[in-house]
Amino acid sequence: RGRGRTCGGTSCRMCTPSVSQKTTRPVHCRIASPSRSKIARSYSMKIAMSCAFLGSVLGRTSALTSSGGVLARPLPSFLSAASPPLRRRSSRLSSAVAPSAVAEEGTFADDDRSIYATEAEALSKIRSPFLQTMRDRGFLHQCTGLAELDALLAGEAEEGGAAAGPVAAYLGFDATADSLHVGSLLQIMILRHYQRSGHKPIVLIGGGTSKVGDPTGKDESRKLLTEETIQKNADGISAVFQKFLQFGDGPTDAAMVNNDDWLSELGYLQFLRDYGTAFTINRMMSFESVKQRMARDSPLSFLEFNYMILQAYDFLELHRRLGVRLQLGGSDQWGNMVSGVELGRKADRAKLFAVTAPLVTTADGKKMGKTEGGAIWLNADRLSEYDYWQFWRNTADADVGRFLRLFTELPLERVAELEKLTGAQINDAKIVLADEATRLLHGDACLTNIRETVKSMFTAKGKGEGDTSSLPRIFVTREELETEGGVRFADLFLKLELASSKKDARRLIQGGGAKMEGEKIQDQNGAMTLECFGDKSEVTLRAGKKRAGVVELQK
């Protein structure tokens, strides 16, 4: 380790590649070399002792041998004799694998390639309205058993059974914050399309899994939340689904469940005995979320390692309780989702399916849902309707067509027309996108106020004229304005979320982008006083050209 040399094909993990080394000839590290030094033997002994200890912890004994200087350490397997052995699948296999392939091979391909590339011919033949919508609007990424799932959703009778009616599918949302952000909107739109296609969507609130924390895409462990915080967050994120789905007792009405109802009741030993043999460390270590964490040398706790098992068990439990046959989710959850498909087959001989959507990024490669000003929240108490509208209005030109397909319900023909707009005309398409996306979340009523606000912001030069009801708003008292020289502008910009920090606010003022009633704020340490209001009850602050907020004098 640290010598900057590779092991020349032996896959030794004790050495690292050198950036400065230019030779193409394989160079063996000292551990992998037949002529081992004392240091190499010391390393081998340490590795052997560590693996032996791990084997004893796992309740297995494994013979560790060193042949020709290369350490051989067989990985333990936890599959029962009744379960089919897991075998490594070729990376060339399609990510759309039928359940029959699972029965033969015991696993799914961990292939991250898009289904549009791997299953183009099969996609052209699908008949179910839901999968057609997913295909045509760009929602699909991976799918298990594409042909069988298509037949099921199209209402065709399964082998030896009656014709299928509405099929229940679920999508999970962990309660890690009191509001979802726009990054979750893609998943909500999938549930909406699923219901509009004549099937039953199930919203799973992750009250139980939030106690563990999803390690996917994280370099470090999530902060553990208290039960009170999780419940508060669950209440906060639940309301948004009412705006996109119709809930009730009908066959296609949406339902909402919380996995804390069953996960918190599990007995540890009984759970291990019943389901522990269905998972192998080998397979779990192959999941992308685990590999990325290990590659970065970031610690992955045993608590987080169990997350994928709990998510797989959720699928099985929902199948037993509500007859759920399909799990929907993002492509970063693919490994966890196919684990649920496999668990259903092993435990109940159930034919379950999984469909993922691509993770959405903007044209500049940034993750969807985050901006320099912070997250784009879906709850109006976290982000005003105006700021939400402005987020979509500021979409990059290259993203307009894609976002119109994903985040609106405009006919594809209309989307194609808007995509053709170029130059200044592309702004018309952005306004349509902003209107349609905002209408779905906040309703039609707010659009009138937003248009008035935009008019006042850009035609009245932001001097407080016109309607400001759609802008974010905070309140100050006379006492605050008259005490200790008033309230600092940096604090006001931070409270209005026009800046991410006080330092960011001061930088905005220094750069000339901060304005009060259309006039530049000159002093980065300046403060708002009672005189700033004059005979008015509110003052408009602006950050740049498109973001603004209102400071109102509390009566």
Protein backbone atom coordinates (compact mmCIF):
# COMPACT_ATOMS: atom_id res chain seq x y z
CA ARG A 1 0.00 0.00 0.00
CA GLY A 2 1.22 3.50 -0.83
CA ARG A 3 3.95 2.34 -3.21
CA GLY A 4 1.99 3.45 -6.26
CA ARG A 5 2.13 0.11 -8.07
CA THR A 6 -0.49 -2.24 -9.41
CA CYS A 7 -0.63 -5.99 -8.90
CA GLY A 8 -0.62 -6.71 -12.64
CA GLY A 9 -3.93 -8.58 -12.87
CA THR A 10 -4.12 -10.32 -9.49
CA SER A 11 -6.76 -7.84 -8.24
CA CYS A 12 -4.84 -7.32 -5.00
CA ARG A 13 -6.59 -4.70 -2.90
CA MET A 14 -3.46 -3.81 -0.96
CA CYS A 15 -1.99 -1.65 -3.70
CA THR A 16 -3.17 1.43 -5.54
CA PRO A 17 -2.58 2.61 -9.13
CA SER A 18 -0.02 5.33 -9.64
CA VAL A 19 -0.88 8.49 -11.50
CA SER A 20 2.74 9.18 -12.34
CA GLN A 21 3.61 5.67 -13.55
CA LYS A 22 3.54 5.60 -17.36
CA THR A 23 4.74 2.08 -18.14
CA THR A 24 2.25 -0.38 -19.59
CA ARG A 25 4.22 -3.46 -18.41
CA PRO A 26 2.51 -5.23 -15.46
CA VAL A 27 4.33 -4.49 -12.22
CA HIS A 28 3.60 -6.85 -9.33
CA CYS A 29 3.24 -5.52 -5.84
CA ARG A 30 5.32 -7.06 -3.07
CA ILE A 31 2.36 -8.95 -1.63
CA ALA A 32 1.51 -10.61 -4.93
CA SER A 33 5.12 -11.36 -5.81
CA PRO A 34 6.34 -15.00 -5.40
CA SER A 35 9.42 -13.68 -3.58
CA ARG A 36 7.62 -12.24 -0.62
CA SER A 37 9.40 -10.12 1.91
CA LYS A 38 8.81 -10.10 5.62
CA ILE A 39 6.50 -7.13 5.16
CA ALA A 40 4.41 -9.07 2.63
CA ARG A 41 4.12 -12.04 4.96
CA SER A 42 3.09 -9.70 7.74
CA TYR A 43 0.36 -8.20 5.58
CA SER A 44 -0.88 -11.67 4.60
CA MET A 45 -1.07 -12.75 8.22
CA LYS A 46 -3.02 -9.63 9.17
CA ILE A 47 -5.49 -10.16 6.34
CA ALA A 48 -5.87 -13.83 7.21
CA MET A 49 -6.49 -13.03 10.87
CA SER A 50 -9.05 -10.36 9.96
CA CYS A 51 -10.93 -12.68 7.61
CA ALA A 52 -10.86 -15.51 10.15
CA PHE A 53 -12.32 -13.15 12.75
CA LEU A 54 -15.02 -12.05 10.30
CA GLY A 55 -15.80 -15.69 9.57
CA SER A 56 -16.19 -16.46 13.27
CA VAL A 57 -18.50 -13.45 13.70
CA LEU A 58 -20.66 -14.65 10.84
CA GLY A 59 -20.83 -18.13 12.33
CA ARG A 60 -18.83 -19.71 9.53
CA THR A 61 -15.31 -21.14 9.34
CA SER A 62 -13.40 -20.66 6.14
CA ALA A 63 -9.97 -21.90 5.19
CA LEU A 64 -7.68 -19.11 4.17
CA THR A 65 -4.76 -20.17 2.08
CA SER A 66 -1.92 -18.30 0.50
CA SER A 67 -0.77 -19.83 -2.76
CA GLY A 68 2.08 -18.38 -4.72
CA GLY A 69 1.94 -15.27 -2.60
CA VAL A 70 -1.71 -14.49 -3.50
CA LEU A 71 -4.22 -14.64 -0.69
CA ALA A 72 -7.28 -16.81 -1.41
CA ARG A 73 -10.36 -16.15 0.74
CA PRO A 74 -13.65 -17.80 -0.19
CA LEU A 75 -16.65 -15.58 0.62
CA PRO A 76 -19.34 -17.08 2.88
CA SER A 77 -22.76 -17.90 1.44
CA PHE A 78 -25.97 -17.61 3.43
CA LEU A 79 -28.40 -19.17 0.97
CA SER A 80 -30.27 -22.17 2.32
CA ALA A 81 -30.04 -25.48 0.53
CA ALA A 82 -33.55 -24.95 -0.77
CA SER A 83 -32.67 -21.67 -2.40
CA PRO A 84 -30.95 -21.57 -5.78
CA PRO A 85 -27.31 -20.45 -5.65
CA LEU A 86 -26.47 -16.96 -6.80
CA ARG A 87 -24.26 -16.84 -9.86
CA ARG A 88 -22.58 -13.90 -11.44
CA ARG A 89 -24.47 -12.66 -14.49
CA SER A 90 -22.82 -11.23 -17.56
CA SER A 91 -22.88 -7.44 -17.69
CA ARG A 92 -24.05 -7.78 -21.27
CA LEU A 93 -27.42 -9.14 -20.24
CA SER A 94 -30.44 -6.87 -20.48
CA SER A 95 -31.73 -5.14 -17.38
CA ALA A 96 -35.22 -6.35 -18.33
CA VAL A 97 -35.06 -9.92 -17.03
CA ALA A 98 -38.07 -12.17 -16.77
CA PRO A 99 -38.94 -13.91 -13.48
CA SER A 100 -38.29 -17.21 -15.24
CA ALA A 101 -34.68 -16.13 -15.53
CA VAL A 102 -34.66 -15.55 -11.80
CA ALA A 103 -35.76 -19.11 -11.17
CA GLU A 104 -32.94 -20.40 -13.34
CA GLU A 105 -30.14 -18.10 -12.31
CA GLY A 106 -31.20 -16.90 -8.86
CA THR A 107 -30.37 -13.28 -9.51
CA PHE A 108 -30.85 -10.30 -11.81
CA ALA A 109 -28.21 -8.59 -13.88
CA ASP A 110 -26.87 -5.50 -12.15
CA ASP A 111 -26.86 -3.66 -15.46
CA ASP A 112 -27.22 0.12 -15.36
CA ARG A 113 -27.78 0.54 -19.10
CA SER A 114 -31.07 2.07 -20.16
CA ILE A 115 -33.84 -0.21 -21.35
CA TYR A 116 -34.20 2.02 -24.43
CA ALA A 117 -30.83 0.66 -25.55
CA THR A 118 -31.15 -2.94 -24.38
CA GLU A 119 -34.82 -3.70 -25.15
CA ALA A 120 -35.71 -1.42 -28.07
CA GLU A 121 -37.57 -4.11 -30.01
CA ALA A 122 -39.54 -5.32 -26.99
CA LEU A 123 -40.49 -1.75 -26.10
CA SER A 124 -41.94 -1.21 -29.55
CA LYS A 125 -44.40 -4.06 -28.96
CA ILE A 126 -45.78 -3.21 -25.51
CA ARG A 127 -49.56 -2.88 -25.26
CA SER A 128 -50.38 -1.69 -21.74
CA PRO A 129 -51.26 2.04 -21.59
CA PHE A 130 -49.06 2.61 -18.54
CA LEU A 131 -45.88 1.19 -20.05
CA GLN A 132 -46.62 2.97 -23.31
CA THR A 133 -46.85 6.27 -21.41
CA MET A 134 -43.67 5.49 -19.52
CA ARG A 135 -41.88 4.64 -22.76
CA ASP A 136 -43.09 7.60 -24.79
CA ARG A 137 -42.49 10.24 -22.13
CA GLY A 138 -39.04 8.97 -21.10
CA PHE A 139 -39.77 7.50 -17.67
CA LEU A 140 -38.31 4.02 -18.21
CA HIS A 141 -34.81 2.90 -17.29
CA GLN A 142 -34.88 -0.73 -16.07
CA CYS A 143 -37.58 -3.39 -15.84
CA THR A 144 -37.83 -7.00 -14.71
CA GLY A 145 -39.89 -9.31 -16.90
CA LEU A 146 -40.96 -6.65 -19.39
CA ALA A 147 -43.14 -8.92 -21.54
CA GLU A 148 -44.90 -10.55 -18.57
CA LEU A 149 -45.45 -7.23 -16.83
CA ASP A 150 -46.86 -5.74 -20.02
CA ALA A 151 -49.32 -8.62 -20.31
CA LEU A 152 -50.32 -8.25 -16.66
CA LEU A 153 -50.93 -4.51 -16.93
CA ALA A 154 -52.77 -4.97 -20.21
CA GLY A 155 -55.28 -7.17 -18.36
CA GLU A 156 -54.32 -10.47 -19.96
CA ALA A 157 -54.95 -13.65 -17.98
CA GLU A 158 -51.93 -15.22 -16.31
CA GLU A 159 -51.21 -18.88 -16.79
CA GLY A 160 -53.93 -20.89 -15.05
CA GLY A 161 -55.77 -17.78 -13.81
CA ALA A 162 -58.49 -15.30 -14.64
CA ALA A 163 -57.98 -12.05 -16.51
CA ALA A 164 -56.15 -9.47 -14.41
CA GLY A 165 -57.97 -6.37 -13.20
CA PRO A 166 -56.34 -3.30 -11.68
CA VAL A 167 -52.83 -4.13 -10.46
CA ALA A 168 -51.50 -2.60 -7.24
CA ALA A 169 -48.06 -0.98 -7.39
CA TYR A 170 -46.16 0.94 -4.75
CA LEU A 171 -43.50 3.57 -4.47
CA GLY A 172 -41.72 4.45 -1.22
CA PHE A 173 -40.77 7.83 0.25
CA ASP A 174 -38.66 8.06 3.40
CA ALA A 175 -39.57 10.72 5.96
CA THR A 176 -36.17 12.45 6.09
CA ALA A 177 -37.60 15.99 5.85
CA ASP A 178 -40.97 17.64 6.45
CA SER A 179 -41.40 18.26 2.72
CA LEU A 180 -40.45 16.47 -0.46
CA HIS A 181 -38.50 18.46 -3.04
CA VAL A 182 -38.80 18.57 -6.81
CA GLY A 183 -36.40 15.64 -7.12
CA SER A 184 -39.26 13.42 -5.89
CA LEU A 185 -41.72 14.88 -8.38
CA LEU A 186 -40.73 12.38 -11.08
CA GLN A 187 -41.81 9.51 -8.83
CA ILE A 188 -45.09 11.24 -7.96
CA MET A 189 -45.82 11.76 -11.67
CA ILE A 190 -45.23 8.04 -12.26
CA LEU A 191 -47.85 7.19 -9.62
CA ARG A 192 -50.23 9.67 -11.24
CA HIS A 193 -49.79 8.10 -14.68
CA TYR A 194 -50.23 4.67 -13.12
CA GLN A 195 -53.60 5.61 -11.65
CA ARG A 196 -54.73 7.32 -14.84
CA SER A 197 -53.93 4.07 -16.68
CA GLY A 198 -56.52 2.22 -14.62
CA HIS A 199 -54.38 0.73 -11.84
CA LYS A 200 -54.04 1.18 -8.09
CA PRO A 201 -51.10 3.23 -6.73
CA ILE A 202 -49.85 2.67 -3.19
CA VAL A 203 -47.84 5.42 -1.46
CA LEU A 204 -45.48 3.90 1.10
CA ILE A 205 -44.28 6.31 3.77
CA GLY A 206 -40.99 5.03 5.15
CA GLY A 207 -41.58 5.67 8.83
CA GLY A 208 -39.71 2.47 9.66
CA THR A 209 -36.88 2.66 7.13
CA SER A 210 -36.29 6.31 8.08
CA LYS A 211 -35.07 4.99 11.44
CA VAL A 212 -32.26 3.24 9.56
CA GLY A 213 -31.38 5.66 6.76
CA ASP A 214 -30.90 4.90 3.07
CA PRO A 215 -27.15 4.77 2.26
CA THR A 216 -27.75 5.18 -1.48
CA GLY A 217 -25.73 8.03 -2.95
CA LYS A 218 -24.34 9.13 0.41
CA ASP A 219 -20.67 9.40 1.38
CA GLU A 220 -21.46 9.24 5.08
CA SER A 221 -24.14 7.91 7.37
CA ARG A 222 -27.37 9.85 7.62
CA LYS A 223 -28.11 11.53 10.92
CA LEU A 224 -30.39 9.34 13.01
CA LEU A 225 -33.80 10.93 13.49
CA THR A 226 -35.97 10.70 16.58
CA GLU A 227 -39.38 9.06 16.34
CA GLU A 228 -41.01 12.45 16.94
CA THR A 229 -39.10 14.01 14.04
CA ILE A 230 -39.93 11.10 11.74
CA GLN A 231 -43.62 11.38 12.55
CA LYS A 232 -43.54 15.15 11.96
CA ASN A 233 -41.81 14.60 8.63
CA ALA A 234 -44.26 11.86 7.63
CA ASP A 235 -47.17 14.20 8.30
CA GLY A 236 -45.45 16.92 6.28
CA ILE A 237 -44.80 14.87 3.14
CA SER A 238 -48.16 13.08 3.12
CA ALA A 239 -50.25 16.10 2.12
CA VAL A 240 -48.62 16.60 -1.30
CA PHE A 241 -49.90 13.27 -2.65
CA GLN A 242 -53.50 14.44 -2.26
CA LYS A 243 -52.82 16.97 -5.02
CA PHE A 244 -51.71 14.38 -7.56
CA LEU A 245 -53.69 11.23 -6.67
CA GLN A 246 -57.27 10.35 -5.89
CA PHE A 247 -57.56 8.47 -2.61
CA GLY A 248 -60.48 6.28 -1.59
CA ASP A 249 -61.75 2.73 -1.33
CA GLY A 250 -62.28 2.07 -5.04
CA PRO A 251 -60.30 -0.54 -7.02
CA THR A 252 -58.11 2.14 -8.62
CA ASP A 253 -58.12 4.65 -5.74
CA ALA A 254 -54.77 5.38 -4.18
CA ALA A 255 -53.88 4.19 -0.67
CA MET A 256 -51.22 5.34 1.78
CA VAL A 257 -49.43 3.03 4.22
CA ASN A 258 -46.50 3.36 6.61
CA ASN A 259 -43.90 0.60 6.84
CA ASP A 260 -43.37 1.40 10.52
CA ASP A 261 -46.61 -0.54 11.08
CA TRP A 262 -44.81 -3.84 10.40
CA LEU A 263 -41.08 -3.13 10.62
CA SER A 264 -41.28 -1.97 14.23
CA GLU A 265 -43.08 -5.20 15.16
CA LEU A 266 -40.42 -7.54 13.77
CA GLY A 267 -38.54 -9.86 16.11
CA TYR A 268 -34.85 -9.85 15.25
CA LEU A 269 -34.05 -13.55 15.68
CA GLN A 270 -37.27 -14.72 14.06
CA PHE A 271 -36.71 -12.36 11.12
CA LEU A 272 -33.19 -13.71 10.62
CA ARG A 273 -34.41 -17.31 10.73
CA ASP A 274 -37.26 -16.65 8.31
CA TYR A 275 -35.54 -14.42 5.76
CA GLY A 276 -31.78 -14.29 6.45
CA THR A 277 -31.10 -17.23 4.17
CA ALA A 278 -32.60 -15.35 1.23
CA PHE A 279 -29.77 -12.80 1.18
CA THR A 280 -26.04 -13.27 0.64
CA ILE A 281 -23.22 -10.94 1.56
CA ASN A 282 -21.77 -11.65 -1.89
CA ARG A 283 -24.84 -10.25 -3.60
CA MET A 284 -25.29 -7.32 -1.24
CA MET A 285 -21.68 -6.26 -1.71
CA SER A 286 -22.29 -6.08 -5.46
CA PHE A 287 -24.94 -3.37 -5.17
CA GLU A 288 -23.88 -0.03 -6.59
CA SER A 289 -24.67 1.92 -3.41
CA VAL A 290 -22.33 -0.35 -1.42
CA LYS A 291 -19.58 -0.42 -4.05
CA GLN A 292 -19.52 3.37 -4.30
CA ARG A 293 -19.24 3.76 -0.54
CA MET A 294 -16.45 1.17 -0.36
CA ALA A 295 -14.59 2.72 -3.30
CA ARG A 296 -14.51 6.06 -1.49
CA ASP A 297 -13.26 4.40 1.71
CA SER A 298 -16.36 5.77 3.44
CA PRO A 299 -17.64 3.75 6.40
CA LEU A 300 -20.87 1.81 5.86
CA SER A 301 -22.48 0.88 9.16
CA PHE A 302 -24.21 -2.43 9.78
CA LEU A 303 -27.38 -0.41 10.40
CA GLU A 304 -27.30 1.05 6.88
CA PHE A 305 -26.29 -2.31 5.40
CA ASN A 306 -29.64 -3.67 6.58
CA TYR A 307 -31.60 -1.02 4.66
CA MET A 308 -31.71 -3.09 1.47
CA ILE A 309 -33.08 -6.09 3.40
CA LEU A 310 -35.85 -3.99 4.95
CA GLN A 311 -36.80 -2.51 1.57
CA ALA A 312 -36.98 -5.99 0.07
CA TYR A 313 -39.16 -7.13 2.98
CA ASP A 314 -41.49 -4.16 2.42
CA PHE A 315 -42.28 -5.52 -1.04
CA LEU A 316 -43.08 -8.96 0.35
CA GLU A 317 -45.25 -7.52 3.14
CA LEU A 318 -47.20 -5.28 0.74
CA HIS A 319 -47.76 -8.23 -1.56
CA ARG A 320 -49.21 -10.20 1.34
CA ARG A 321 -51.31 -7.35 2.72
CA LEU A 322 -52.50 -5.52 -0.39
CA GLY A 323 -51.68 -7.83 -3.28
CA VAL A 324 -48.98 -5.49 -4.62
CA ARG A 325 -47.25 -6.93 -7.70
CA LEU A 326 -45.07 -4.05 -8.85
CA GLN A 327 -42.53 -1.75 -7.21
CA LEU A 328 -41.68 1.57 -8.84
CA GLY A 329 -38.64 3.70 -8.04
CA GLY A 330 -35.49 5.44 -9.16
CA SER A 331 -32.65 3.62 -10.85
CA ASP A 332 -30.45 4.10 -7.77
CA GLN A 333 -32.81 1.69 -5.97
CA TRP A 334 -32.51 -1.08 -8.59
CA GLY A 335 -30.50 -3.47 -6.42
CA ASN A 336 -32.88 -3.13 -3.48
CA MET A 337 -35.91 -3.54 -5.72
CA VAL A 338 -34.79 -6.74 -7.42
CA SER A 339 -33.94 -8.11 -3.97
CA GLY A 340 -37.63 -7.66 -3.16
CA VAL A 341 -38.60 -9.46 -6.38
CA GLU A 342 -36.30 -12.35 -5.48
CA LEU A 343 -37.51 -12.47 -1.87
CA GLY A 344 -41.13 -12.71 -3.04
CA ARG A 345 -40.22 -15.62 -5.29
CA LYS A 346 -38.27 -17.46 -2.60
CA ALA A 347 -40.68 -16.85 0.27
CA ASP A 348 -44.11 -17.04 -1.44
CA ARG A 349 -43.35 -18.19 -5.01
CA ALA A 350 -44.85 -14.86 -6.09
CA LYS A 351 -44.28 -13.27 -9.49
CA LEU A 352 -43.34 -9.72 -8.61
CA PHE A 353 -41.94 -6.98 -10.84
CA ALA A 354 -39.78 -3.87 -10.59
CA VAL A 355 -39.60 -0.81 -12.84
CA THR A 356 -37.15 2.06 -12.40
CA ALA A 357 -37.00 5.55 -13.83
CA PRO A 358 -33.76 7.37 -14.64
CA LEU A 359 -32.31 9.79 -12.13
CA VAL A 360 -33.00 13.22 -13.57
CA THR A 361 -30.18 15.71 -13.94
CA THR A 362 -30.19 19.10 -15.60
CA ALA A 363 -28.36 19.84 -18.84
CA ASP A 364 -25.29 21.02 -16.92
CA GLY A 365 -25.11 17.72 -15.04
CA LYS A 366 -26.48 18.92 -11.70
CA LYS A 367 -28.88 16.86 -9.62
CA MET A 368 -32.53 17.75 -10.14
CA GLY A 369 -34.17 19.59 -7.25
CA LYS A 370 -31.23 21.59 -5.91
CA THR A 371 -30.25 25.15 -6.77
CA GLU A 372 -27.76 27.66 -5.43
CA GLY A 373 -30.56 29.05 -3.28
CA GLY A 374 -31.38 25.65 -1.77
CA ALA A 375 -33.84 22.83 -2.37
CA ILE A 376 -36.98 23.36 -4.44
CA TRP A 377 -39.56 22.19 -1.90
CA LEU A 378 -43.04 21.02 -2.86
CA ASN A 379 -44.80 22.30 0.28
CA ALA A 380 -45.97 25.91 -0.05
CA ASP A 381 -44.89 26.68 3.53
CA ARG A 382 -41.31 25.83 2.54
CA LEU A 383 -41.27 27.50 -0.89
CA SER A 384 -43.69 30.06 -2.28
CA GLU A 385 -45.75 29.40 -5.39
CA TYR A 386 -43.90 32.23 -7.12
CA ASP A 387 -40.45 30.75 -6.43
CA TYR A 388 -41.67 27.34 -7.58
CA TRP A 389 -42.94 28.89 -10.82
CA GLN A 390 -39.65 30.73 -11.27
CA PHE A 391 -37.69 27.50 -10.88
CA TRP A 392 -39.41 26.04 -13.94
CA ARG A 393 -39.29 29.37 -15.79
CA ASN A 394 -35.50 29.38 -15.42
CA THR A 395 -35.10 25.92 -17.02
CA ALA A 396 -32.14 25.64 -19.38
CA ASP A 397 -33.04 25.62 -23.08
CA ALA A 398 -31.76 22.08 -23.53
CA ASP A 399 -34.04 20.74 -20.76
CA VAL A 400 -37.35 22.27 -21.85
CA GLY A 401 -38.64 19.44 -24.05
CA ARG A 402 -37.60 16.69 -21.65
CA PHE A 403 -39.14 18.44 -18.64
CA LEU A 404 -42.38 19.09 -20.55
CA ARG A 405 -42.70 15.34 -21.14
CA LEU A 406 -41.81 14.35 -17.58
CA PHE A 407 -43.42 17.02 -15.42
CA THR A 408 -46.54 18.06 -17.34
CA GLU A 409 -49.46 16.24 -18.91
CA LEU A 410 -49.39 18.14 -22.18
CA PRO A 411 -50.03 15.93 -25.23
CA LEU A 412 -46.79 14.80 -26.84
CA GLU A 413 -47.78 16.53 -30.07
CA ARG A 414 -47.93 19.87 -28.24
CA VAL A 415 -44.59 19.13 -26.56
CA ALA A 416 -43.05 18.48 -29.98
CA GLU A 417 -44.27 21.87 -31.19
CA LEU A 418 -42.81 23.68 -28.18
CA GLU A 419 -39.50 21.84 -28.58
CA LYS A 420 -39.05 23.34 -32.02
CA LEU A 421 -39.02 26.91 -30.68
CA THR A 422 -35.62 28.58 -30.78
CA GLY A 423 -34.03 31.87 -29.82
CA ALA A 424 -36.20 34.20 -27.77
CA GLN A 425 -39.28 32.09 -28.58
CA ILE A 426 -38.02 29.29 -26.30
CA ASN A 427 -39.08 31.54 -23.42
CA ASP A 428 -42.71 30.95 -24.43
CA ALA A 429 -42.15 27.22 -23.96
CA LYS A 430 -40.57 27.84 -20.56
CA ILE A 431 -43.61 29.83 -19.45
CA VAL A 432 -45.86 26.97 -20.55
CA LEU A 433 -43.69 24.56 -18.57
CA ALA A 434 -43.79 26.79 -15.48
CA ASP A 435 -47.57 27.25 -15.73
CA GLU A 436 -48.33 23.55 -16.21
CA ALA A 437 -45.98 22.31 -13.49
CA THR A 438 -47.23 24.92 -11.01
CA ARG A 439 -50.86 24.16 -11.87
CA LEU A 440 -50.40 20.48 -11.02
CA LEU A 441 -48.94 21.24 -7.59
CA HIS A 442 -50.62 24.46 -6.47
CA GLY A 443 -53.73 24.72 -8.65
CA ASP A 444 -54.99 27.30 -11.15
CA ALA A 445 -55.82 30.02 -8.66
CA CYS A 446 -52.22 30.93 -7.86
CA LEU A 447 -51.27 31.49 -11.50
CA THR A 448 -53.16 34.78 -11.69
CA ASN A 449 -51.26 36.14 -8.69
CA ILE A 450 -47.97 34.86 -10.07
CA ARG A 451 -48.50 36.64 -13.39
CA GLU A 452 -49.29 39.87 -11.54
CA THR A 453 -46.15 39.44 -9.47
CA VAL A 454 -44.03 38.85 -12.56
CA LYS A 455 -45.52 41.96 -14.13
CA SER A 456 -44.72 44.05 -11.07
CA MET A 457 -41.21 42.60 -10.84
CA PHE A 458 -40.14 43.21 -14.43
CA THR A 459 -42.27 46.10 -15.71
CA ALA A 460 -42.42 48.14 -12.52
CA LYS A 461 -38.69 47.54 -11.88
CA GLY A 462 -39.40 45.86 -8.55
CA LYS A 463 -40.41 49.10 -6.75
CA GLY A 464 -43.25 47.46 -4.88
CA GLU A 465 -45.93 48.30 -7.41
CA GLY A 466 -48.35 45.55 -8.38
CA ASP A 467 -49.22 42.28 -6.69
CA THR A 468 -46.65 40.71 -4.35
CA SER A 469 -48.93 38.10 -2.77
CA SER A 470 -47.08 35.21 -4.42
CA LEU A 471 -43.67 36.22 -3.07
CA PRO A 472 -42.13 34.66 0.05
CA ARG A 473 -42.88 36.80 3.06
CA ILE A 474 -41.50 37.39 6.54
CA PHE A 475 -42.64 39.73 9.33
CA VAL A 476 -40.75 42.20 11.50
CA THR A 477 -41.95 44.24 14.45
CA ARG A 478 -41.48 47.92 15.21
CA GLU A 479 -39.41 46.98 18.25
CA GLU A 480 -36.97 44.97 16.09
CA LEU A 481 -36.59 47.85 13.64
CA GLU A 482 -36.02 50.44 16.37
CA THR A 483 -33.66 48.38 18.52
CA GLU A 484 -29.88 48.29 17.97
CA GLY A 485 -29.98 49.95 14.58
CA GLY A 486 -32.62 47.70 12.98
CA VAL A 487 -32.48 44.28 11.34
CA ARG A 488 -29.44 43.49 9.20
CA PHE A 489 -30.10 42.94 5.51
CA ALA A 490 -28.00 39.75 5.57
CA ASP A 491 -30.38 38.27 8.14
CA LEU A 492 -33.45 39.25 6.10
CA PHE A 493 -32.10 37.73 2.88
CA LEU A 494 -31.31 34.53 4.76
CA LYS A 495 -34.79 34.33 6.35
CA LEU A 496 -36.42 34.90 2.95
CA GLU A 497 -34.17 32.12 1.55
CA LEU A 498 -32.81 34.56 -1.02
CA ALA A 499 -29.37 33.56 0.22
CA SER A 500 -28.05 30.25 1.55
CA SER A 501 -26.03 31.86 4.37
CA LYS A 502 -25.15 35.24 5.83
CA LYS A 503 -21.84 35.09 4.01
CA ASP A 504 -23.70 34.46 0.75
CA ALA A 505 -25.99 37.42 1.49
CA ARG A 506 -23.05 39.74 2.13
CA ARG A 507 -21.42 38.53 -1.09
CA LEU A 508 -24.69 39.30 -2.94
CA ILE A 509 -24.70 42.83 -1.53
CA GLN A 510 -21.04 43.37 -2.42
CA GLY A 511 -21.73 42.23 -5.98
CA GLY A 512 -24.56 44.71 -6.42
CA GLY A 513 -27.25 42.05 -6.79
CA ALA A 514 -29.18 42.95 -3.63
CA LYS A 515 -31.88 45.60 -3.92
CA MET A 516 -34.54 47.15 -1.72
CA GLU A 517 -37.48 48.66 -3.58
CA GLY A 518 -35.40 48.70 -6.76
CA GLU A 519 -32.44 50.51 -5.20
CA LYS A 520 -29.09 48.78 -4.65
CA ILE A 521 -28.10 48.04 -1.08
CA GLN A 522 -24.60 49.48 -0.70
CA ASP A 523 -23.48 48.44 2.78
CA GLN A 524 -23.02 44.69 3.39
CA ASN A 525 -23.41 45.36 7.12
CA GLY A 526 -26.40 47.63 6.61
CA ALA A 527 -29.75 47.16 8.32
CA MET A 528 -33.42 47.79 7.67
CA THR A 529 -34.98 50.41 9.92
CA LEU A 530 -38.46 51.78 10.38
CA GLU A 531 -37.65 54.63 7.98
CA CYS A 532 -37.28 52.12 5.13
CA PHE A 533 -41.04 51.54 5.17
CA GLY A 534 -42.10 55.19 4.92
CA ASP A 535 -45.89 55.16 4.79
CA LYS A 536 -46.07 51.55 3.50
CA SER A 537 -46.53 48.31 5.43
CA GLU A 538 -44.16 46.19 3.34
CA VAL A 539 -40.83 46.40 1.53
CA THR A 540 -39.65 44.23 -1.38
CA LEU A 541 -36.12 42.83 -1.37
CA ARG A 542 -34.60 41.41 -4.54
CA ALA A 543 -31.72 39.00 -5.14
CA GLY A 544 -30.68 39.34 -8.75
CA LYS A 545 -33.24 39.81 -11.47
CA LYS A 546 -35.66 36.97 -10.81
CA ARG A 547 -35.81 36.32 -7.07
CA ALA A 548 -37.57 38.49 -4.55
CA GLY A 549 -39.25 38.47 -1.15
CA VAL A 550 -41.35 40.74 1.02
CA VAL A 551 -40.63 42.08 4.49
CA GLU A 552 -43.92 43.08 6.09
CA LEU A 553 -44.31 45.30 9.14
CA GLN A 554 -46.27 43.41 11.76
CA LYS A 555 -49.17 45.40 13.16
